[in-house]
């Protein structure tokens, strides 16, 4: 587990769906009731939650970020064989969790958690993945810029799994959004924009 202060890193969020004329990111209209999540900018007042995956550094960084917690692990399974006393541990899947904490200033994160935690499909629908099998377009892609943007930690195919808001005695509230991915992250000196289905050095991104 690694924890960073918001001033030491920059985090950019992008939708996993390939940007096109129908999908350019995730935008929230908090004036609607309930809040409306769209894949393209509709009105100037919409709040941008995520940009296009191919945009990488061109997307807007998460504003008012106070902390970033990154946890990397693996899920193992014990395998025993008849007639043998030894037990083998087999890695079943990787698990990467990223928690973002920011000063709460609007309800855009609430809207994303309630209606857009799985990203959008090719039609720009943010609710389609709720009860369907994940595809290569599912989720969000997070770019965590480390060491003055010389090292970029890319979390691929991440979905929102938790969201909470805290209030202290001074009345200042913070909110935390937790992303989780089972796909091996990528670390390099440039944003990693290769689709999930394409192979990369060290293996392939299998759902």
N, C-alpha and C. Protein backbone atom coordinates (compact mmCIF):
# COMPACT_ATOMS: atom_id res chain seq x y z
N UNK A 1 0.84 -1.19 0.00
CA UNK A 1 0.00 0.00 0.00
C UNK A 1 0.88 1.24 0.00
N UNK A 2 0.49 2.22 -0.80
CA UNK A 2 1.23 3.48 -0.87
C UNK A 2 0.24 4.63 -0.74
N UNK A 3 0.58 5.59 0.08
CA UNK A 3 -0.29 6.75 0.28
C UNK A 3 0.45 8.00 -0.16
N UNK A 4 -0.22 8.85 -0.92
CA UNK A 4 0.36 10.10 -1.41
C UNK A 4 -0.55 11.26 -1.04
N UNK A 5 0.06 12.38 -0.73
CA UNK A 5 -0.71 13.60 -0.54
C UNK A 5 -1.18 14.11 -1.90
N UNK A 6 -2.31 14.80 -1.88
CA UNK A 6 -2.85 15.30 -3.13
C UNK A 6 -1.93 16.26 -3.85
N UNK A 7 -1.09 16.98 -3.11
CA UNK A 7 -0.17 17.94 -3.73
C UNK A 7 1.02 17.28 -4.39
N UNK A 8 1.25 15.99 -4.08
CA UNK A 8 2.42 15.29 -4.61
C UNK A 8 2.13 14.51 -5.89
N UNK A 9 0.88 14.27 -6.19
CA UNK A 9 0.51 13.51 -7.38
C UNK A 9 -0.63 14.20 -8.09
N UNK A 10 -0.84 13.81 -9.33
CA UNK A 10 -1.99 14.26 -10.11
C UNK A 10 -2.69 13.03 -10.65
N UNK A 11 -4.01 13.02 -10.58
CA UNK A 11 -4.79 11.87 -11.02
C UNK A 11 -5.75 12.32 -12.11
N UNK A 12 -5.71 11.64 -13.25
CA UNK A 12 -6.63 11.89 -14.35
C UNK A 12 -7.50 10.66 -14.54
N UNK A 13 -8.79 10.87 -14.74
CA UNK A 13 -9.72 9.76 -14.93
C UNK A 13 -10.25 9.81 -16.35
N UNK A 14 -10.31 8.65 -17.00
CA UNK A 14 -10.83 8.56 -18.36
C UNK A 14 -11.78 7.37 -18.45
N UNK A 15 -12.74 7.44 -19.35
CA UNK A 15 -13.61 6.28 -19.60
C UNK A 15 -12.84 5.26 -20.42
N UNK A 16 -13.12 3.99 -20.19
CA UNK A 16 -12.41 2.92 -20.91
C UNK A 16 -12.88 2.83 -22.35
N UNK A 17 -14.12 3.23 -22.61
CA UNK A 17 -14.66 3.20 -23.97
C UNK A 17 -13.84 4.10 -24.90
N UNK A 18 -13.55 3.61 -26.09
CA UNK A 18 -12.78 4.39 -27.05
C UNK A 18 -13.52 5.69 -27.39
N UNK A 19 -12.87 6.84 -27.29
CA UNK A 19 -13.54 8.11 -27.60
C UNK A 19 -13.98 8.17 -29.06
N UNK A 20 -15.19 8.62 -29.29
CA UNK A 20 -15.70 8.82 -30.64
C UNK A 20 -16.72 9.95 -30.61
N UNK A 21 -17.56 10.02 -31.61
CA UNK A 21 -18.52 11.12 -31.68
C UNK A 21 -19.61 11.01 -30.62
N UNK A 22 -19.84 9.79 -30.10
CA UNK A 22 -20.89 9.61 -29.09
C UNK A 22 -20.35 9.55 -27.67
N UNK A 23 -19.05 9.29 -27.52
CA UNK A 23 -18.45 9.19 -26.20
C UNK A 23 -17.17 10.01 -26.17
N UNK A 24 -17.12 10.99 -25.30
CA UNK A 24 -15.90 11.78 -25.13
C UNK A 24 -15.47 11.87 -23.68
N UNK A 25 -16.24 11.24 -22.79
CA UNK A 25 -15.90 11.27 -21.37
C UNK A 25 -17.13 11.00 -20.52
N UNK A 26 -17.09 11.49 -19.30
CA UNK A 26 -18.23 11.39 -18.38
C UNK A 26 -18.51 12.76 -17.81
N UNK A 27 -19.71 13.26 -18.04
CA UNK A 27 -20.11 14.60 -17.60
C UNK A 27 -21.37 14.48 -16.76
N UNK A 28 -21.44 15.25 -15.68
CA UNK A 28 -22.56 15.16 -14.75
C UNK A 28 -23.29 16.50 -14.71
N UNK A 29 -24.60 16.45 -14.91
CA UNK A 29 -25.45 17.62 -14.76
C UNK A 29 -26.13 17.51 -13.40
N UNK A 30 -25.57 18.18 -12.39
CA UNK A 30 -26.08 18.07 -11.03
C UNK A 30 -27.35 18.87 -10.82
N UNK A 31 -27.73 19.71 -11.79
CA UNK A 31 -28.96 20.49 -11.66
C UNK A 31 -30.19 19.63 -11.95
N UNK A 32 -30.01 18.50 -12.64
CA UNK A 32 -31.13 17.61 -12.93
C UNK A 32 -31.47 16.78 -11.71
N UNK A 33 -32.69 16.30 -11.63
CA UNK A 33 -33.13 15.50 -10.50
C UNK A 33 -33.84 14.24 -11.01
N UNK A 34 -33.17 13.07 -10.94
CA UNK A 34 -31.83 12.85 -10.41
C UNK A 34 -30.76 13.37 -11.35
N UNK A 35 -29.53 13.45 -10.85
CA UNK A 35 -28.43 13.99 -11.64
C UNK A 35 -28.26 13.18 -12.93
N UNK A 36 -28.01 13.87 -14.02
CA UNK A 36 -27.89 13.25 -15.33
C UNK A 36 -26.43 13.04 -15.69
N UNK A 37 -26.08 11.83 -16.11
CA UNK A 37 -24.71 11.50 -16.52
C UNK A 37 -24.71 11.29 -18.03
N UNK A 38 -23.89 12.03 -18.72
CA UNK A 38 -23.84 11.94 -20.18
C UNK A 38 -22.42 11.66 -20.64
N UNK A 39 -22.29 11.13 -21.86
CA UNK A 39 -20.98 10.77 -22.41
C UNK A 39 -20.37 11.91 -23.21
N UNK A 40 -21.12 12.96 -23.44
CA UNK A 40 -20.62 14.14 -24.13
C UNK A 40 -21.08 15.39 -23.40
N UNK A 41 -20.40 16.47 -23.60
CA UNK A 41 -20.76 17.73 -22.94
C UNK A 41 -22.04 18.27 -23.55
N UNK A 42 -23.07 18.44 -22.72
CA UNK A 42 -24.36 18.91 -23.19
C UNK A 42 -24.50 20.41 -22.94
N UNK A 43 -24.27 20.83 -21.71
CA UNK A 43 -24.35 22.24 -21.35
C UNK A 43 -23.06 22.68 -20.69
N UNK A 44 -22.83 23.97 -20.69
CA UNK A 44 -21.58 24.50 -20.15
C UNK A 44 -21.46 24.26 -18.65
N UNK A 45 -22.59 24.04 -17.98
CA UNK A 45 -22.56 23.84 -16.54
C UNK A 45 -22.28 22.42 -16.11
N UNK A 46 -22.17 21.49 -17.06
CA UNK A 46 -21.88 20.09 -16.70
C UNK A 46 -20.50 19.97 -16.08
N UNK A 47 -20.39 19.07 -15.09
CA UNK A 47 -19.13 18.84 -14.39
C UNK A 47 -18.44 17.63 -15.01
N UNK A 48 -17.21 17.80 -15.44
CA UNK A 48 -16.48 16.69 -16.07
C UNK A 48 -15.88 15.79 -15.00
N UNK A 49 -16.31 14.53 -15.02
CA UNK A 49 -15.75 13.54 -14.10
C UNK A 49 -14.60 12.78 -14.73
N UNK A 50 -14.72 12.45 -16.01
CA UNK A 50 -13.69 11.69 -16.72
C UNK A 50 -13.60 12.18 -18.15
N UNK A 51 -12.42 12.05 -18.71
CA UNK A 51 -12.19 12.43 -20.10
C UNK A 51 -12.12 11.21 -20.99
N UNK A 52 -11.65 11.40 -22.21
CA UNK A 52 -11.48 10.29 -23.14
C UNK A 52 -10.20 9.53 -22.87
N UNK A 53 -10.22 8.21 -23.06
CA UNK A 53 -9.05 7.39 -22.76
C UNK A 53 -7.83 7.81 -23.56
N UNK A 54 -8.01 8.17 -24.82
CA UNK A 54 -6.88 8.56 -25.65
C UNK A 54 -6.35 9.94 -25.29
N UNK A 55 -7.10 10.65 -24.44
CA UNK A 55 -6.67 11.99 -24.07
C UNK A 55 -5.54 12.01 -23.07
N UNK A 56 -5.52 11.03 -22.16
CA UNK A 56 -4.45 10.93 -21.19
C UNK A 56 -4.19 12.23 -20.47
N UNK A 57 -3.04 12.84 -20.74
CA UNK A 57 -2.64 14.05 -20.05
C UNK A 57 -3.54 15.23 -20.39
N UNK A 58 -4.29 15.15 -21.49
CA UNK A 58 -5.15 16.26 -21.89
C UNK A 58 -6.43 16.33 -21.06
N UNK A 59 -6.76 15.26 -20.33
CA UNK A 59 -7.96 15.28 -19.51
C UNK A 59 -7.73 16.15 -18.28
N UNK A 60 -8.82 16.52 -17.65
CA UNK A 60 -8.75 17.39 -16.48
C UNK A 60 -8.42 16.55 -15.25
N UNK A 61 -7.44 17.00 -14.48
CA UNK A 61 -7.07 16.28 -13.26
C UNK A 61 -8.16 16.42 -12.22
N UNK A 62 -8.23 15.45 -11.31
CA UNK A 62 -9.22 15.51 -10.23
C UNK A 62 -8.93 16.74 -9.39
N UNK A 63 -9.90 17.67 -9.27
CA UNK A 63 -9.63 18.90 -8.53
C UNK A 63 -9.72 18.70 -7.02
N UNK A 64 -9.03 19.57 -6.29
CA UNK A 64 -9.09 19.59 -4.81
C UNK A 64 -8.75 18.24 -4.20
N UNK A 65 -7.78 17.54 -4.80
CA UNK A 65 -7.38 16.22 -4.32
C UNK A 65 -6.54 16.38 -3.05
N UNK A 66 -6.89 15.63 -2.01
CA UNK A 66 -6.14 15.71 -0.75
C UNK A 66 -5.33 14.46 -0.45
N UNK A 67 -5.71 13.33 -1.03
CA UNK A 67 -4.97 12.10 -0.76
C UNK A 67 -5.26 11.02 -1.78
N UNK A 68 -4.25 10.18 -2.03
CA UNK A 68 -4.38 9.05 -2.96
C UNK A 68 -3.78 7.82 -2.29
N UNK A 69 -4.58 6.77 -2.19
CA UNK A 69 -4.14 5.52 -1.57
C UNK A 69 -4.17 4.42 -2.62
N UNK A 70 -3.02 3.82 -2.91
CA UNK A 70 -2.92 2.77 -3.92
C UNK A 70 -2.52 1.46 -3.25
N UNK A 71 -3.32 0.43 -3.47
CA UNK A 71 -3.03 -0.90 -2.91
C UNK A 71 -2.95 -1.90 -4.05
N UNK A 72 -1.88 -2.69 -4.07
CA UNK A 72 -1.67 -3.70 -5.10
C UNK A 72 -1.56 -5.06 -4.42
N UNK A 73 -2.34 -6.01 -4.92
CA UNK A 73 -2.30 -7.34 -4.31
C UNK A 73 -2.72 -8.40 -5.30
N UNK A 74 -2.83 -9.62 -4.82
CA UNK A 74 -3.23 -10.75 -5.65
C UNK A 74 -4.12 -11.67 -4.85
N UNK A 75 -5.05 -12.30 -5.52
CA UNK A 75 -5.95 -13.26 -4.90
C UNK A 75 -5.45 -14.66 -5.20
N UNK A 76 -5.12 -15.43 -4.16
CA UNK A 76 -4.57 -16.77 -4.30
C UNK A 76 -5.61 -17.82 -3.93
N UNK A 77 -5.38 -19.02 -4.42
CA UNK A 77 -6.24 -20.15 -4.08
C UNK A 77 -5.38 -21.35 -3.75
N UNK A 78 -5.72 -22.02 -2.65
CA UNK A 78 -4.97 -23.21 -2.24
C UNK A 78 -5.43 -24.42 -3.04
N UNK A 79 -4.46 -25.15 -3.60
CA UNK A 79 -4.77 -26.35 -4.39
C UNK A 79 -4.04 -27.54 -3.76
N UNK A 80 -4.78 -28.55 -3.38
CA UNK A 80 -4.19 -29.75 -2.80
C UNK A 80 -4.41 -30.93 -3.73
N UNK A 81 -3.46 -31.85 -3.73
CA UNK A 81 -3.51 -33.01 -4.61
C UNK A 81 -3.66 -34.28 -3.77
N UNK A 82 -4.47 -35.21 -4.26
CA UNK A 82 -4.73 -36.46 -3.54
C UNK A 82 -3.43 -37.25 -3.40
N UNK A 83 -3.12 -37.62 -2.18
CA UNK A 83 -1.91 -38.40 -1.92
C UNK A 83 -0.70 -37.57 -1.58
N UNK A 84 -0.80 -36.26 -1.64
CA UNK A 84 0.32 -35.37 -1.33
C UNK A 84 -0.06 -34.48 -0.16
N UNK A 85 0.92 -34.21 0.70
CA UNK A 85 0.66 -33.37 1.86
C UNK A 85 0.88 -31.88 1.56
N UNK A 86 1.63 -31.62 0.53
CA UNK A 86 1.94 -30.23 0.21
C UNK A 86 0.73 -29.56 -0.45
N UNK A 87 0.66 -28.26 -0.27
CA UNK A 87 -0.43 -27.46 -0.84
C UNK A 87 0.18 -26.41 -1.77
N UNK A 88 -0.38 -26.30 -2.94
CA UNK A 88 0.10 -25.32 -3.91
C UNK A 88 -0.78 -24.07 -3.88
N UNK A 89 -0.13 -22.93 -3.94
CA UNK A 89 -0.88 -21.68 -4.02
C UNK A 89 -0.84 -21.19 -5.46
N UNK A 90 -2.01 -21.02 -6.04
CA UNK A 90 -2.11 -20.54 -7.41
C UNK A 90 -2.73 -19.16 -7.43
N UNK A 91 -2.09 -18.26 -8.16
CA UNK A 91 -2.64 -16.91 -8.26
C UNK A 91 -3.84 -16.92 -9.20
N UNK A 92 -4.97 -16.46 -8.71
CA UNK A 92 -6.20 -16.46 -9.49
C UNK A 92 -6.35 -15.14 -10.25
N UNK A 93 -6.09 -14.04 -9.59
CA UNK A 93 -6.25 -12.75 -10.24
C UNK A 93 -5.51 -11.68 -9.45
N UNK A 94 -5.19 -10.60 -10.14
CA UNK A 94 -4.60 -9.43 -9.49
C UNK A 94 -5.72 -8.55 -8.96
N UNK A 95 -5.38 -7.72 -7.99
CA UNK A 95 -6.37 -6.81 -7.44
C UNK A 95 -5.69 -5.48 -7.12
N UNK A 96 -6.10 -4.43 -7.78
CA UNK A 96 -5.55 -3.10 -7.55
C UNK A 96 -6.67 -2.18 -7.08
N UNK A 97 -6.44 -1.51 -5.97
CA UNK A 97 -7.44 -0.61 -5.40
C UNK A 97 -6.84 0.78 -5.28
N UNK A 98 -7.58 1.78 -5.74
CA UNK A 98 -7.15 3.17 -5.66
C UNK A 98 -8.25 3.97 -4.98
N UNK A 99 -7.90 4.65 -3.90
CA UNK A 99 -8.85 5.49 -3.19
C UNK A 99 -8.45 6.95 -3.37
N UNK A 100 -9.38 7.74 -3.87
CA UNK A 100 -9.15 9.17 -4.07
C UNK A 100 -9.97 9.95 -3.05
N UNK A 101 -9.32 10.89 -2.37
CA UNK A 101 -9.99 11.74 -1.40
C UNK A 101 -9.86 13.19 -1.82
N UNK A 102 -10.98 13.89 -1.83
CA UNK A 102 -10.96 15.29 -2.23
C UNK A 102 -11.89 16.10 -1.34
N UNK A 103 -11.75 17.43 -1.39
CA UNK A 103 -12.68 18.32 -0.72
C UNK A 103 -14.01 18.29 -1.46
N UNK A 104 -15.07 18.03 -0.76
CA UNK A 104 -16.38 17.92 -1.40
C UNK A 104 -16.92 19.31 -1.70
N UNK A 105 -17.21 19.56 -2.97
CA UNK A 105 -17.75 20.86 -3.36
C UNK A 105 -18.98 20.75 -4.25
N UNK A 106 -19.29 19.53 -4.69
CA UNK A 106 -20.50 19.31 -5.48
C UNK A 106 -20.93 17.85 -5.32
N UNK A 107 -22.02 17.49 -5.97
CA UNK A 107 -22.56 16.13 -5.84
C UNK A 107 -22.26 15.25 -7.04
N UNK A 108 -21.23 15.60 -7.81
CA UNK A 108 -20.92 14.83 -9.01
C UNK A 108 -20.47 13.41 -8.68
N UNK A 109 -19.68 13.25 -7.63
CA UNK A 109 -19.23 11.90 -7.26
C UNK A 109 -20.39 11.06 -6.76
N UNK A 110 -21.35 11.67 -6.08
CA UNK A 110 -22.53 10.93 -5.65
C UNK A 110 -23.28 10.39 -6.86
N UNK A 111 -23.40 11.23 -7.89
CA UNK A 111 -24.12 10.82 -9.10
C UNK A 111 -23.40 9.68 -9.81
N UNK A 112 -22.07 9.75 -9.88
CA UNK A 112 -21.31 8.69 -10.54
C UNK A 112 -21.47 7.37 -9.78
N UNK A 113 -21.41 7.42 -8.47
CA UNK A 113 -21.56 6.19 -7.68
C UNK A 113 -22.96 5.60 -7.82
N UNK A 114 -23.95 6.45 -7.90
CA UNK A 114 -25.33 5.97 -7.99
C UNK A 114 -25.70 5.47 -9.38
N UNK A 115 -25.13 6.09 -10.43
CA UNK A 115 -25.58 5.72 -11.76
C UNK A 115 -24.52 5.50 -12.81
N UNK A 116 -23.24 5.61 -12.45
CA UNK A 116 -22.22 5.46 -13.48
C UNK A 116 -20.97 4.79 -13.00
N UNK A 117 -21.09 3.87 -12.05
CA UNK A 117 -19.89 3.27 -11.46
C UNK A 117 -19.17 2.29 -12.38
N UNK A 118 -19.85 1.82 -13.44
CA UNK A 118 -19.23 0.84 -14.35
C UNK A 118 -18.77 1.45 -15.66
N UNK A 119 -18.81 2.76 -15.79
CA UNK A 119 -18.45 3.38 -17.06
C UNK A 119 -19.60 3.33 -18.04
N UNK A 120 -19.31 3.55 -19.31
CA UNK A 120 -20.37 3.59 -20.33
C UNK A 120 -20.05 2.63 -21.46
N UNK A 121 -21.08 2.35 -22.28
CA UNK A 121 -20.88 1.50 -23.45
C UNK A 121 -20.69 2.37 -24.69
N UNK A 122 -20.66 1.75 -25.86
CA UNK A 122 -20.39 2.48 -27.09
C UNK A 122 -21.48 3.48 -27.46
N UNK A 123 -22.67 3.32 -26.86
CA UNK A 123 -23.76 4.25 -27.14
C UNK A 123 -23.79 5.40 -26.15
N UNK A 124 -22.90 5.37 -25.17
CA UNK A 124 -22.87 6.43 -24.17
C UNK A 124 -23.77 6.19 -22.98
N UNK A 125 -24.29 4.96 -22.83
CA UNK A 125 -25.18 4.62 -21.73
C UNK A 125 -24.35 4.21 -20.52
N UNK A 126 -24.54 4.91 -19.41
CA UNK A 126 -23.77 4.62 -18.20
C UNK A 126 -24.44 3.58 -17.30
N UNK A 127 -25.64 3.18 -17.61
CA UNK A 127 -26.34 2.21 -16.78
C UNK A 127 -26.39 0.83 -17.42
N UNK A 128 -25.89 0.68 -18.64
CA UNK A 128 -26.03 -0.59 -19.37
C UNK A 128 -25.23 -1.72 -18.73
N UNK A 129 -24.11 -1.40 -18.06
CA UNK A 129 -23.25 -2.45 -17.54
C UNK A 129 -23.70 -2.99 -16.19
N UNK A 130 -24.74 -2.42 -15.60
CA UNK A 130 -25.14 -2.82 -14.26
C UNK A 130 -25.48 -4.28 -14.13
N UNK A 131 -26.19 -4.83 -15.11
CA UNK A 131 -26.64 -6.22 -15.03
C UNK A 131 -26.16 -7.04 -16.21
N UNK A 132 -25.07 -6.65 -16.82
CA UNK A 132 -24.55 -7.36 -17.98
C UNK A 132 -23.10 -7.78 -17.74
N UNK A 133 -22.62 -8.70 -18.56
CA UNK A 133 -21.24 -9.17 -18.44
C UNK A 133 -20.28 -8.06 -18.85
N UNK A 134 -19.19 -7.87 -18.12
CA UNK A 134 -18.23 -6.82 -18.48
C UNK A 134 -17.62 -7.05 -19.85
N UNK A 135 -17.31 -5.97 -20.52
CA UNK A 135 -16.66 -6.04 -21.83
C UNK A 135 -15.35 -5.27 -21.76
N UNK A 136 -14.66 -5.18 -22.89
CA UNK A 136 -13.40 -4.45 -22.92
C UNK A 136 -13.61 -2.95 -22.74
N UNK A 137 -14.85 -2.48 -22.80
CA UNK A 137 -15.14 -1.06 -22.63
C UNK A 137 -15.62 -0.72 -21.23
N UNK A 138 -15.68 -1.71 -20.36
CA UNK A 138 -16.22 -1.49 -19.02
C UNK A 138 -15.26 -0.69 -18.15
N UNK A 139 -15.81 0.23 -17.38
CA UNK A 139 -15.04 0.90 -16.35
C UNK A 139 -14.32 2.16 -16.78
N UNK A 140 -13.39 2.55 -15.92
CA UNK A 140 -12.61 3.77 -16.11
C UNK A 140 -11.13 3.43 -16.12
N UNK A 141 -10.35 4.35 -16.65
CA UNK A 141 -8.89 4.21 -16.65
C UNK A 141 -8.32 5.39 -15.88
N UNK A 142 -7.49 5.09 -14.89
CA UNK A 142 -6.92 6.13 -14.03
C UNK A 142 -5.44 6.29 -14.34
N UNK A 143 -5.01 7.53 -14.50
CA UNK A 143 -3.60 7.86 -14.69
C UNK A 143 -3.11 8.60 -13.45
N UNK A 144 -2.21 7.98 -12.72
CA UNK A 144 -1.64 8.59 -11.52
C UNK A 144 -0.22 9.04 -11.87
N UNK A 145 -0.02 10.36 -11.88
CA UNK A 145 1.28 10.93 -12.26
C UNK A 145 2.16 11.06 -11.02
N UNK A 146 3.31 10.35 -11.03
CA UNK A 146 4.26 10.37 -9.93
C UNK A 146 5.56 11.04 -10.36
N UNK A 147 6.33 11.49 -9.39
CA UNK A 147 7.66 12.04 -9.64
C UNK A 147 7.65 13.10 -10.74
N UNK A 148 6.88 14.13 -10.53
CA UNK A 148 6.82 15.26 -11.48
C UNK A 148 6.48 14.79 -12.89
N UNK A 149 5.49 13.90 -12.97
CA UNK A 149 4.95 13.35 -14.23
C UNK A 149 5.98 12.53 -15.01
N UNK A 150 7.10 12.16 -14.41
CA UNK A 150 8.08 11.32 -15.10
C UNK A 150 7.73 9.84 -15.00
N UNK A 151 6.86 9.50 -14.08
CA UNK A 151 6.42 8.12 -13.92
C UNK A 151 4.90 8.12 -13.79
N UNK A 152 4.24 7.32 -14.62
CA UNK A 152 2.78 7.31 -14.65
C UNK A 152 2.29 5.90 -14.35
N UNK A 153 1.47 5.80 -13.32
CA UNK A 153 0.87 4.54 -12.90
C UNK A 153 -0.54 4.48 -13.48
N UNK A 154 -0.79 3.54 -14.39
CA UNK A 154 -2.07 3.45 -15.08
C UNK A 154 -2.88 2.26 -14.57
N UNK A 155 -4.06 2.54 -14.05
CA UNK A 155 -4.98 1.50 -13.59
C UNK A 155 -6.02 1.30 -14.69
N UNK A 156 -6.16 0.07 -15.15
CA UNK A 156 -6.95 -0.23 -16.35
C UNK A 156 -8.24 -0.94 -15.98
N UNK A 157 -9.33 -0.56 -16.63
CA UNK A 157 -10.61 -1.24 -16.44
C UNK A 157 -11.11 -1.19 -15.01
N UNK A 158 -11.00 -0.05 -14.36
CA UNK A 158 -11.41 0.07 -12.95
C UNK A 158 -12.87 0.48 -12.83
N UNK A 159 -13.54 -0.09 -11.85
CA UNK A 159 -14.92 0.26 -11.55
C UNK A 159 -15.00 0.86 -10.15
N UNK A 160 -15.98 1.71 -9.94
CA UNK A 160 -16.17 2.34 -8.63
C UNK A 160 -16.83 1.33 -7.70
N UNK A 161 -16.20 1.04 -6.56
CA UNK A 161 -16.77 0.06 -5.66
C UNK A 161 -17.20 0.65 -4.32
N UNK A 162 -16.81 1.89 -4.04
CA UNK A 162 -17.23 2.49 -2.77
C UNK A 162 -17.14 4.01 -2.86
N UNK A 163 -17.98 4.66 -2.08
CA UNK A 163 -17.98 6.12 -2.01
C UNK A 163 -18.48 6.52 -0.63
N UNK A 164 -17.76 7.43 0.01
CA UNK A 164 -18.15 7.87 1.35
C UNK A 164 -17.84 9.35 1.52
N UNK A 165 -18.55 9.97 2.45
CA UNK A 165 -18.36 11.39 2.77
C UNK A 165 -18.14 11.54 4.26
N UNK A 166 -17.16 12.34 4.63
CA UNK A 166 -16.86 12.56 6.05
C UNK A 166 -16.99 14.04 6.38
N UNK A 167 -17.43 14.30 7.61
CA UNK A 167 -17.60 15.68 8.09
C UNK A 167 -16.88 15.79 9.43
N UNK A 168 -16.04 16.82 9.55
CA UNK A 168 -15.32 17.01 10.80
C UNK A 168 -15.96 18.12 11.63
N UNK A 169 -15.36 18.42 12.76
CA UNK A 169 -15.94 19.41 13.68
C UNK A 169 -15.98 20.81 13.09
N UNK A 170 -15.11 21.10 12.15
CA UNK A 170 -15.08 22.43 11.55
C UNK A 170 -16.11 22.59 10.44
N UNK A 171 -16.78 21.51 10.11
CA UNK A 171 -17.81 21.59 9.08
C UNK A 171 -17.29 21.36 7.67
N UNK A 172 -15.97 21.22 7.52
CA UNK A 172 -15.40 20.96 6.19
C UNK A 172 -15.53 19.49 5.87
N UNK A 173 -16.12 19.18 4.76
CA UNK A 173 -16.36 17.78 4.42
C UNK A 173 -15.43 17.32 3.32
N UNK A 174 -15.05 16.05 3.38
CA UNK A 174 -14.26 15.40 2.35
C UNK A 174 -15.01 14.17 1.88
N UNK A 175 -14.74 13.76 0.66
CA UNK A 175 -15.35 12.54 0.15
C UNK A 175 -14.29 11.65 -0.48
N UNK A 176 -14.51 10.37 -0.39
CA UNK A 176 -13.56 9.38 -0.90
C UNK A 176 -14.26 8.47 -1.89
N UNK A 177 -13.63 8.26 -3.04
CA UNK A 177 -14.13 7.33 -4.03
C UNK A 177 -13.09 6.25 -4.25
N UNK A 178 -13.54 5.00 -4.21
CA UNK A 178 -12.63 3.87 -4.31
C UNK A 178 -12.84 3.13 -5.62
N UNK A 179 -11.76 2.97 -6.37
CA UNK A 179 -11.78 2.25 -7.63
C UNK A 179 -11.09 0.90 -7.44
N UNK A 180 -11.56 -0.10 -8.17
CA UNK A 180 -10.97 -1.44 -8.08
C UNK A 180 -10.85 -2.05 -9.47
N UNK A 181 -9.72 -2.73 -9.70
CA UNK A 181 -9.49 -3.37 -10.99
C UNK A 181 -8.81 -4.71 -10.78
N UNK A 182 -9.17 -5.70 -11.61
CA UNK A 182 -8.55 -7.02 -11.57
C UNK A 182 -7.50 -7.17 -12.67
N UNK A 183 -7.23 -6.11 -13.40
CA UNK A 183 -6.28 -6.15 -14.50
C UNK A 183 -4.93 -5.60 -14.04
N UNK A 184 -3.87 -6.23 -14.47
CA UNK A 184 -2.52 -5.80 -14.08
C UNK A 184 -2.28 -4.35 -14.50
N UNK A 185 -1.89 -3.48 -13.56
CA UNK A 185 -1.64 -2.08 -13.92
C UNK A 185 -0.38 -1.93 -14.75
N UNK A 186 -0.23 -0.76 -15.34
CA UNK A 186 0.93 -0.47 -16.17
C UNK A 186 1.69 0.71 -15.57
N UNK A 187 3.01 0.61 -15.53
CA UNK A 187 3.86 1.69 -15.02
C UNK A 187 4.84 2.07 -16.10
N UNK A 188 4.89 3.34 -16.45
CA UNK A 188 5.81 3.80 -17.49
C UNK A 188 5.98 5.29 -17.44
N UNK A 189 6.68 5.83 -18.43
CA UNK A 189 6.91 7.28 -18.48
C UNK A 189 5.95 7.98 -19.42
N UNK A 190 4.89 7.28 -19.85
CA UNK A 190 3.87 7.86 -20.72
C UNK A 190 2.53 7.22 -20.39
N UNK A 191 1.46 7.91 -20.73
CA UNK A 191 0.13 7.36 -20.47
C UNK A 191 -0.07 6.10 -21.31
N UNK A 192 -0.71 5.11 -20.72
CA UNK A 192 -0.94 3.83 -21.40
C UNK A 192 -2.36 3.84 -21.93
N UNK A 193 -2.52 3.96 -23.24
CA UNK A 193 -3.83 4.08 -23.85
C UNK A 193 -4.24 2.86 -24.67
N UNK A 194 -3.43 1.79 -24.63
CA UNK A 194 -3.75 0.59 -25.40
C UNK A 194 -5.04 -0.04 -24.89
N UNK A 195 -5.94 -0.45 -25.78
CA UNK A 195 -7.20 -1.08 -25.33
C UNK A 195 -6.94 -2.34 -24.52
N UNK A 196 -7.90 -2.74 -23.72
CA UNK A 196 -7.77 -3.91 -22.86
C UNK A 196 -7.50 -5.16 -23.67
N UNK A 197 -8.12 -5.29 -24.83
CA UNK A 197 -8.02 -6.51 -25.61
C UNK A 197 -6.66 -6.69 -26.26
N UNK A 198 -5.87 -5.62 -26.36
CA UNK A 198 -4.58 -5.70 -27.04
C UNK A 198 -3.50 -6.19 -26.07
N UNK A 199 -2.55 -7.02 -26.55
CA UNK A 199 -1.47 -7.49 -25.69
C UNK A 199 -0.45 -6.39 -25.41
N UNK A 200 0.27 -6.54 -24.33
CA UNK A 200 1.35 -5.61 -24.02
C UNK A 200 2.49 -6.40 -23.41
N UNK A 201 3.62 -5.77 -23.20
CA UNK A 201 4.80 -6.46 -22.68
C UNK A 201 4.49 -7.08 -21.32
N UNK A 202 4.61 -8.35 -21.22
CA UNK A 202 4.36 -9.03 -19.95
C UNK A 202 3.06 -9.81 -19.94
N UNK A 203 2.28 -9.76 -21.01
CA UNK A 203 1.04 -10.53 -21.03
C UNK A 203 -0.04 -9.80 -21.75
N UNK A 204 -1.27 -10.18 -21.52
CA UNK A 204 -2.42 -9.54 -22.14
C UNK A 204 -3.45 -9.21 -21.08
N UNK A 205 -4.28 -8.22 -21.36
CA UNK A 205 -5.29 -7.81 -20.40
C UNK A 205 -6.52 -8.69 -20.59
N UNK A 206 -6.67 -9.71 -19.78
CA UNK A 206 -7.81 -10.60 -19.88
C UNK A 206 -8.83 -10.24 -18.83
N UNK A 207 -10.08 -10.16 -19.23
CA UNK A 207 -11.15 -9.91 -18.29
C UNK A 207 -11.53 -11.20 -17.58
